C-alpha atoms as a PDB file:
ATOM      1  CA  MET A   1       5.726  -0.266  -5.930  1.00  0.00           C
ATOM      2  CA  SER A   2       8.320  -2.538  -4.386  1.00  0.00           C
ATOM      3  CA  GLY A   3       9.388  -3.659  -0.963  1.00  0.00           C
ATOM      4  CA  PHE A   4      10.217  -7.352  -0.867  1.00  0.00           C
ATOM      5  CA  SER A   5      13.476  -9.211  -1.219  1.00  0.00           C
ATOM      6  CA  GLY A   6      13.911 -10.617  -4.678  1.00  0.00           C
ATOM      7  CA  PHE A   7      11.559  -8.119  -6.362  1.00  0.00           C
ATOM      8  CA  PHE A   8       8.788 -10.482  -7.416  1.00  0.00           C
ATOM      9  CA  VAL A   9       7.105  -9.932 -10.778  1.00  0.00           C
ATOM     10  CA  GLY A  10       4.738  -7.001 -11.009  1.00  0.00           C
ATOM     11  CA  THR A  11       6.371  -4.663  -8.503  1.00  0.00           C
ATOM     12  CA  GLU A  12       8.035  -2.239 -10.907  1.00  0.00           C
ATOM     13  CA  MET A  13       6.975   1.391 -10.800  1.00  0.00           C
ATOM     14  CA  PRO A  14       4.757   2.232 -13.764  1.00  0.00           C
ATOM     15  CA  GLY A  15       6.570   5.312 -14.942  1.00  0.00           C
ATOM     16  CA  ASP A  16       4.576   7.658 -17.140  1.00  0.00           C
ATOM     17  CA  TYR A  17       1.010   6.732 -16.225  1.00  0.00           C
ATOM     18  CA  TRP A  18       0.877   6.897 -12.418  1.00  0.00           C
ATOM     19  CA  GLU A  19      -0.514  10.425 -12.282  1.00  0.00           C
ATOM     20  CA  ALA A  20      -3.090   9.661 -14.983  1.00  0.00           C
ATOM     21  CA  LEU A  21      -4.273   6.562 -13.127  1.00  0.00           C
ATOM     22  CA  TRP A  22      -4.256   8.159  -9.653  1.00  0.00           C
ATOM     23  CA  PRO A  23      -5.134  11.860 -10.079  1.00  0.00           C
ATOM     24  CA  ASP A  24      -6.439  11.994  -6.491  1.00  0.00           C
ATOM     25  CA  PRO A  25      -4.116   9.958  -4.258  1.00  0.00           C
ATOM     26  CA  ALA A  26      -5.437  11.757  -1.162  1.00  0.00           C
ATOM     27  CA  GLY A  27      -8.909  10.504  -1.993  1.00  0.00           C
ATOM     28  CA  VAL A  28      -7.626   6.946  -2.331  1.00  0.00           C
ATOM     29  CA  VAL A  29      -5.967   6.838   1.087  1.00  0.00           C
ATOM     30  CA  SER A  30      -8.976   8.516   2.677  1.00  0.00           C
ATOM     31  CA  ALA A  31     -11.352   5.977   1.118  1.00  0.00           C
ATOM     32  CA  ALA A  32      -9.069   3.208   2.382  1.00  0.00           C
ATOM     33  CA  GLY A  33      -9.433   4.451   5.974  1.00  0.00           C
ATOM     34  CA  LEU A  34      -6.764   7.073   6.709  1.00  0.00           C
ATOM     35  CA  LYS A  35      -8.042   9.740   9.088  1.00  0.00           C
ATOM     36  CA  PRO A  36      -6.336  12.958  10.216  1.00  0.00           C
ATOM     37  CA  GLY A  37      -3.954  12.518  13.124  1.00  0.00           C
ATOM     38  CA  MET A  38      -3.300   8.813  12.617  1.00  0.00           C
ATOM     39  CA  ASN A  39       0.123   7.225  12.978  1.00  0.00           C
ATOM     40  CA  ALA A  40       0.485   5.603   9.547  1.00  0.00           C
ATOM     41  CA  VAL A  41       2.725   3.313   7.503  1.00  0.00           C
ATOM     42  CA  ASP A  42       3.098   3.429   3.717  1.00  0.00           C
ATOM     43  CA  LEU A  43       4.363  -0.078   3.051  1.00  0.00           C
ATOM     44  CA  CYS A  44       6.250  -0.573  -0.230  1.00  0.00           C
ATOM     45  CA  CYS A  45       5.905   3.150  -0.792  1.00  0.00           C
ATOM     46  CA  GLY A  46       7.740   3.297  -4.118  1.00  0.00           C
ATOM     47  CA  ASP A  47       8.279   6.874  -5.264  1.00  0.00           C
ATOM     48  CA  GLY A  48       5.948   8.319  -2.629  1.00  0.00           C
ATOM     49  CA  TRP A  49       2.851   9.011  -4.724  1.00  0.00           C
ATOM     50  CA  PHE A  50       0.642   8.012  -1.798  1.00  0.00           C
ATOM     51  CA  THR A  51       3.155   8.907   0.908  1.00  0.00           C
ATOM     52  CA  LEU A  52       2.756  12.645   0.390  1.00  0.00           C
ATOM     53  CA  PRO A  53      -1.035  12.800   0.907  1.00  0.00           C
ATOM     54  CA  MET A  54      -0.726  10.377   3.794  1.00  0.00           C
ATOM     55  CA  ALA A  55       1.821  12.626   5.496  1.00  0.00           C
ATOM     56  CA  ARG A  56      -0.337  15.696   4.912  1.00  0.00           C
ATOM     57  CA  ALA A  57      -3.181  14.047   6.848  1.00  0.00           C
ATOM     58  CA  ALA A  58      -1.417  11.824   9.378  1.00  0.00           C
ATOM     59  CA  ARG A  59       0.386  12.716  12.576  1.00  0.00           C
ATOM     60  CA  HIS A  60       3.375  10.696  11.392  1.00  0.00           C
ATOM     61  CA  VAL A  61       4.176   8.354   8.499  1.00  0.00           C
ATOM     62  CA  THR A  62       6.792   5.638   8.178  1.00  0.00           C
ATOM     63  CA  ALA A  63       7.504   5.025   4.487  1.00  0.00           C
ATOM     64  CA  ILE A  64       9.177   1.677   3.775  1.00  0.00           C
ATOM     65  CA  ASP A  65      10.650   0.319   0.560  1.00  0.00           C
ATOM     66  CA  ILE A  66      13.437  -2.072  -0.322  1.00  0.00           C
ATOM     67  CA  ASP A  67      14.528   0.006  -3.340  1.00  0.00           C
ATOM     68  CA  ALA A  68      16.829   2.828  -2.230  1.00  0.00           C
ATOM     69  CA  ARG A  69      16.368   4.714  -5.506  1.00  0.00           C
ATOM     70  CA  LEU A  70      12.578   4.814  -5.199  1.00  0.00           C
ATOM     71  CA  LEU A  71      12.833   5.676  -1.517  1.00  0.00           C
ATOM     72  CA  GLY A  72      15.026   8.615  -2.441  1.00  0.00           C
ATOM     73  CA  MET A  73      12.401   9.783  -4.920  1.00  0.00           C
ATOM     74  CA  ALA A  74       9.763   9.589  -2.183  1.00  0.00           C
ATOM     75  CA  ARG A  75      11.951  11.603   0.180  1.00  0.00           C
ATOM     76  CA  THR A  76      12.518  14.265  -2.484  1.00  0.00           C
ATOM     77  CA  ARG A  77       8.780  14.437  -3.256  1.00  0.00           C
ATOM     78  CA  LEU A  78       8.000  15.295   0.371  1.00  0.00           C
ATOM     79  CA  GLU A  79      10.956  17.636   0.800  1.00  0.00           C
ATOM     80  CA  LYS A  80       9.812  19.683  -2.205  1.00  0.00           C
ATOM     81  CA  GLN A  81       6.470  20.177  -0.468  1.00  0.00           C
ATOM     82  CA  ASN A  82       8.080  20.967   2.902  1.00  0.00           C
ATOM     83  CA  VAL A  83       6.436  17.940   4.502  1.00  0.00           C
ATOM     84  CA  ALA A  84       8.658  16.661   7.305  1.00  0.00           C
ATOM     85  CA  ASN A  85       6.572  14.268   9.434  1.00  0.00           C
ATOM     86  CA  CYS A  86       7.781  11.150   7.648  1.00  0.00           C
ATOM     87  CA  ASP A  87      10.591   8.677   8.286  1.00  0.00           C
ATOM     88  CA  PHE A  88      11.998   6.770   5.311  1.00  0.00           C
ATOM     89  CA  VAL A  89      13.189   3.214   5.872  1.00  0.00           C
ATOM     90  CA  GLU A  90      15.003   1.000   3.391  1.00  0.00           C
ATOM     91  CA  GLY A  91      13.994  -2.569   4.141  1.00  0.00           C
ATOM     92  CA  ASP A  92      11.956  -5.663   3.368  1.00  0.00           C
ATOM     93  CA  ALA A  93       8.213  -5.349   4.004  1.00  0.00           C
ATOM     94  CA  HIS A  94       8.193  -8.680   5.845  1.00  0.00           C
ATOM     95  CA  ASP A  95      10.429  -7.077   8.490  1.00  0.00           C
ATOM     96  CA  LEU A  96       7.899  -4.354   9.255  1.00  0.00           C
ATOM     97  CA  PRO A  97       7.946  -4.931  13.057  1.00  0.00           C
ATOM     98  CA  ARG A  98      11.681  -4.121  13.070  1.00  0.00           C
ATOM     99  CA  PHE A  99      11.033  -0.684  11.578  1.00  0.00           C
ATOM    100  CA  VAL A 100       7.864   0.458  13.339  1.00  0.00           C
ATOM    101  CA  LYS A 101       8.227   0.579  17.113  1.00  0.00           C
ATOM    102  CA  ALA A 102       5.217   2.732  18.013  1.00  0.00           C
ATOM    103  CA  SER A 103       1.801   1.242  17.373  1.00  0.00           C
ATOM    104  CA  ALA A 104       0.346   2.254  14.008  1.00  0.00           C
ATOM    105  CA  ASP A 105      -3.261   3.197  13.367  1.00  0.00           C
ATOM    106  CA  PHE A 106      -3.133   2.587   9.625  1.00  0.00           C
ATOM    107  CA  VAL A 107      -0.965   0.456   7.328  1.00  0.00           C
ATOM    108  CA  PHE A 108      -1.409   1.057   3.598  1.00  0.00           C
ATOM    109  CA  LEU A 109      -0.208  -1.183   0.747  1.00  0.00           C
ATOM    110  CA  ALA A 110      -0.972  -0.369  -2.888  1.00  0.00           C
ATOM    111  CA  ASN A 111      -0.430  -2.366  -6.078  1.00  0.00           C
ATOM    112  CA  VAL A 112       1.849  -4.970  -4.528  1.00  0.00           C
ATOM    113  CA  TYR A 113      -0.233  -7.611  -2.762  1.00  0.00           C
ATOM    114  CA  HIS A 114      -0.990  -9.624  -5.895  1.00  0.00           C
ATOM    115  CA  GLY A 115       2.667 -10.645  -6.127  1.00  0.00           C
ATOM    116  CA  VAL A 116       3.441 -11.316  -2.465  1.00  0.00           C
ATOM    117  CA  PRO A 117       4.597 -14.946  -2.238  1.00  0.00           C
ATOM    118  CA  ASP A 118       3.621 -15.428   1.431  1.00  0.00           C
ATOM    119  CA  LYS A 119       0.554 -13.312   2.042  1.00  0.00           C
ATOM    120  CA  PRO A 120      -0.266 -14.572   5.577  1.00  0.00           C
ATOM    121  CA  ARG A 121       3.278 -13.683   6.657  1.00  0.00           C
ATOM    122  CA  LEU A 122       2.844 -10.137   5.387  1.00  0.00           C
ATOM    123  CA  VAL A 123      -0.545  -9.743   7.061  1.00  0.00           C
ATOM    124  CA  ARG A 124       0.944 -10.974  10.346  1.00  0.00           C
ATOM    125  CA  ALA A 125       3.706  -8.376   9.994  1.00  0.00           C
ATOM    126  CA  ALA A 126       1.093  -5.655   9.553  1.00  0.00           C
ATOM    127  CA  ALA A 127      -0.916  -6.965  12.503  1.00  0.00           C
ATOM    128  CA  ALA A 128       2.194  -6.909  14.681  1.00  0.00           C
ATOM    129  CA  VAL A 129       2.589  -3.131  14.329  1.00  0.00           C
ATOM    130  CA  LEU A 130      -1.091  -2.152  14.473  1.00  0.00           C
ATOM    131  CA  ALA A 131      -2.761  -0.908  17.629  1.00  0.00           C
ATOM    132  CA  PRO A 132      -6.019  -2.689  18.527  1.00  0.00           C
ATOM    133  CA  GLY A 133      -8.617  -1.334  16.132  1.00  0.00           C
ATOM    134  CA  GLY A 134      -5.926  -0.212  13.676  1.00  0.00           C
ATOM    135  CA  LEU A 135      -6.548  -0.703   9.961  1.00  0.00           C
ATOM    136  CA  PHE A 136      -4.643  -2.562   7.249  1.00  0.00           C
ATOM    137  CA  ALA A 137      -5.692  -1.484   3.750  1.00  0.00           C
ATOM    138  CA  VAL A 138      -4.639  -3.320   0.588  1.00  0.00           C
ATOM    139  CA  VAL A 139      -5.309  -1.689  -2.783  1.00  0.00           C
ATOM    140  CA  ASN A 140      -5.360  -4.207  -5.637  1.00  0.00           C
ATOM    141  CA  TRP A 141      -6.102  -4.222  -9.356  1.00  0.00           C
ATOM    142  CA  HIS A 142      -9.434  -5.857 -10.134  1.00  0.00           C
ATOM    143  CA  ALA A 143      -9.147  -9.300 -11.741  1.00  0.00           C
ATOM    144  CA  ARG A 144      -9.876  -8.044 -15.229  1.00  0.00           C
ATOM    145  CA  PRO A 145      -7.855  -8.909 -18.350  1.00  0.00           C
ATOM    146  CA  ARG A 146      -4.903  -6.557 -18.647  1.00  0.00           C
ATOM    147  CA  GLU A 147      -6.096  -5.305 -22.027  1.00  0.00           C
ATOM    148  CA  GLU A 148      -9.265  -4.074 -20.305  1.00  0.00           C
ATOM    149  CA  THR A 149      -7.363  -1.753 -17.934  1.00  0.00           C
ATOM    150  CA  PRO A 150      -5.800   0.836 -20.252  1.00  0.00           C
ATOM    151  CA  VAL A 151      -4.240   4.089 -19.086  1.00  0.00           C
ATOM    152  CA  LEU A 152      -3.106   6.676 -21.628  1.00  0.00           C
ATOM    153  CA  GLY A 153      -4.091   4.269 -24.393  1.00  0.00           C
ATOM    154  CA  GLN A 154      -1.952   1.333 -23.256  1.00  0.00           C
ATOM    155  CA  PRO A 155      -2.813  -1.826 -21.244  1.00  0.00           C
ATOM    156  CA  ARG A 156      -1.495  -1.311 -17.721  1.00  0.00           C
ATOM    157  CA  GLY A 157      -1.066  -3.154 -14.464  1.00  0.00           C
ATOM    158  CA  PRO A 158       0.106  -6.668 -13.585  1.00  0.00           C
ATOM    159  CA  LYS A 159      -0.358  -9.641 -15.863  1.00  0.00           C
ATOM    160  CA  THR A 160      -3.905 -10.951 -15.954  1.00  0.00           C
ATOM    161  CA  GLU A 161      -2.955 -14.209 -14.211  1.00  0.00           C
ATOM    162  CA  LEU A 162      -1.496 -12.330 -11.211  1.00  0.00           C
ATOM    163  CA  ARG A 163      -4.650 -10.370 -10.437  1.00  0.00           C
ATOM    164  CA  MET A 164      -6.936 -11.212  -7.541  1.00  0.00           C
ATOM    165  CA  THR A 165     -10.627 -10.755  -6.913  1.00  0.00           C
ATOM    166  CA  PRO A 166     -11.664  -9.073  -3.664  1.00  0.00           C
ATOM    167  CA  GLU A 167     -12.844 -12.480  -2.446  1.00  0.00           C
ATOM    168  CA  GLN A 168      -9.431 -14.035  -3.123  1.00  0.00           C
ATOM    169  CA  THR A 169      -7.732 -11.191  -1.302  1.00  0.00           C
ATOM    170  CA  ILE A 170      -9.988 -11.587   1.723  1.00  0.00           C
ATOM    171  CA  GLU A 171      -9.530 -15.371   1.753  1.00  0.00           C
ATOM    172  CA  SER A 172      -5.736 -15.036   1.588  1.00  0.00           C
ATOM    173  CA  ALA A 173      -5.612 -13.199   4.905  1.00  0.00           C
ATOM    174  CA  LYS A 174      -7.906 -15.116   7.237  1.00  0.00           C
ATOM    175  CA  LEU A 175      -5.934 -14.810  10.454  1.00  0.00           C
ATOM    176  CA  PRO A 176      -7.078 -14.581  14.068  1.00  0.00           C
ATOM    177  CA  GLU A 177      -5.246 -11.285  14.481  1.00  0.00           C
ATOM    178  CA  MET A 178      -7.286  -9.552  11.807  1.00  0.00           C
ATOM    179  CA  LYS A 179     -10.986  -8.987  11.160  1.00  0.00           C
ATOM    180  CA  PHE A 180     -12.217  -8.233   7.653  1.00  0.00           C
ATOM    181  CA  LEU A 181     -14.133  -4.946   7.602  1.00  0.00           C
ATOM    182  CA  ARG A 182     -15.030  -3.946   4.073  1.00  0.00           C
ATOM    183  CA  VAL A 183     -14.240  -3.697   0.384  1.00  0.00           C
ATOM    184  CA  VAL A 184     -14.069  -0.194  -1.086  1.00  0.00           C
ATOM    185  CA  GLU A 185     -14.211   0.470  -4.824  1.00  0.00           C
ATOM    186  CA  VAL A 186     -11.308   2.607  -6.054  1.00  0.00           C
ATOM    187  CA  PRO A 187     -12.118   3.600  -9.643  1.00  0.00           C
ATOM    188  CA  PRO A 188     -11.302   3.028 -12.360  1.00  0.00           C
ATOM    189  CA  TYR A 189      -9.625  -0.366 -11.945  1.00  0.00           C
ATOM    190  CA  HIS A 190      -8.939  -0.997  -8.254  1.00  0.00           C
ATOM    191  CA  TYR A 191     -10.509  -1.945  -4.967  1.00  0.00           C
ATOM    192  CA  ALA A 192      -9.306  -1.723  -1.377  1.00  0.00           C
ATOM    193  CA  VAL A 193      -9.752  -4.496   1.167  1.00  0.00           C
ATOM    194  CA  VAL A 194      -9.652  -3.200   4.740  1.00  0.00           C
ATOM    195  CA  TRP A 195      -9.008  -5.296   7.849  1.00  0.00           C
ATOM    196  CA  GLU A 196      -9.089  -4.264  11.504  1.00  0.00           C
ATOM    197  CA  ARG A 197      -6.613  -5.438  14.132  1.00  0.00           C
ATOM    198  CA  ASN A 198      -8.394  -7.489  16.753  1.00  0.00           C
ATOM    199  CA  PRO A 199      -7.805  -6.577  20.432  1.00  0.00           C
END
């Protein structure tokens, strides 16, 4: 996944193992809080692996990424499935309020948060587009050594030193705009932290 200026370490798309790691992307976004009919944002959407199931469930999705090539792949993925309720925006994730004018019910961010240099700034950007009671879900790799998270026989995911525990993720986003709700396990190697936008 990508979506920030400068492309910090750990944001490259994984290539050949994404489908093996995430065989049920619809289940992941549902576990993270997406409900049918929501107005949703797939932030740093990459090639659209999660965008497609989000769009199938949501009323509307805004898919945002800074990498035009990956964004094009996401667009093609949805077009092939005749899914048309998604806007694709090339831009920096920090500028989210510029791209989402209608209040969102759900903002989803997967496999990127560990490398965000200014996490409170990103959380504020998400809060700015969420309706009161809206959800911000961050899916992260568990803080396990990289060699302990193999997919298709190879160590995968960000470097060990970049990984965050759920507690570190929660602590990084203590802002008055957002209320921590829950941690959801996302097997085999991930968890989702979910916040709610305060009124």
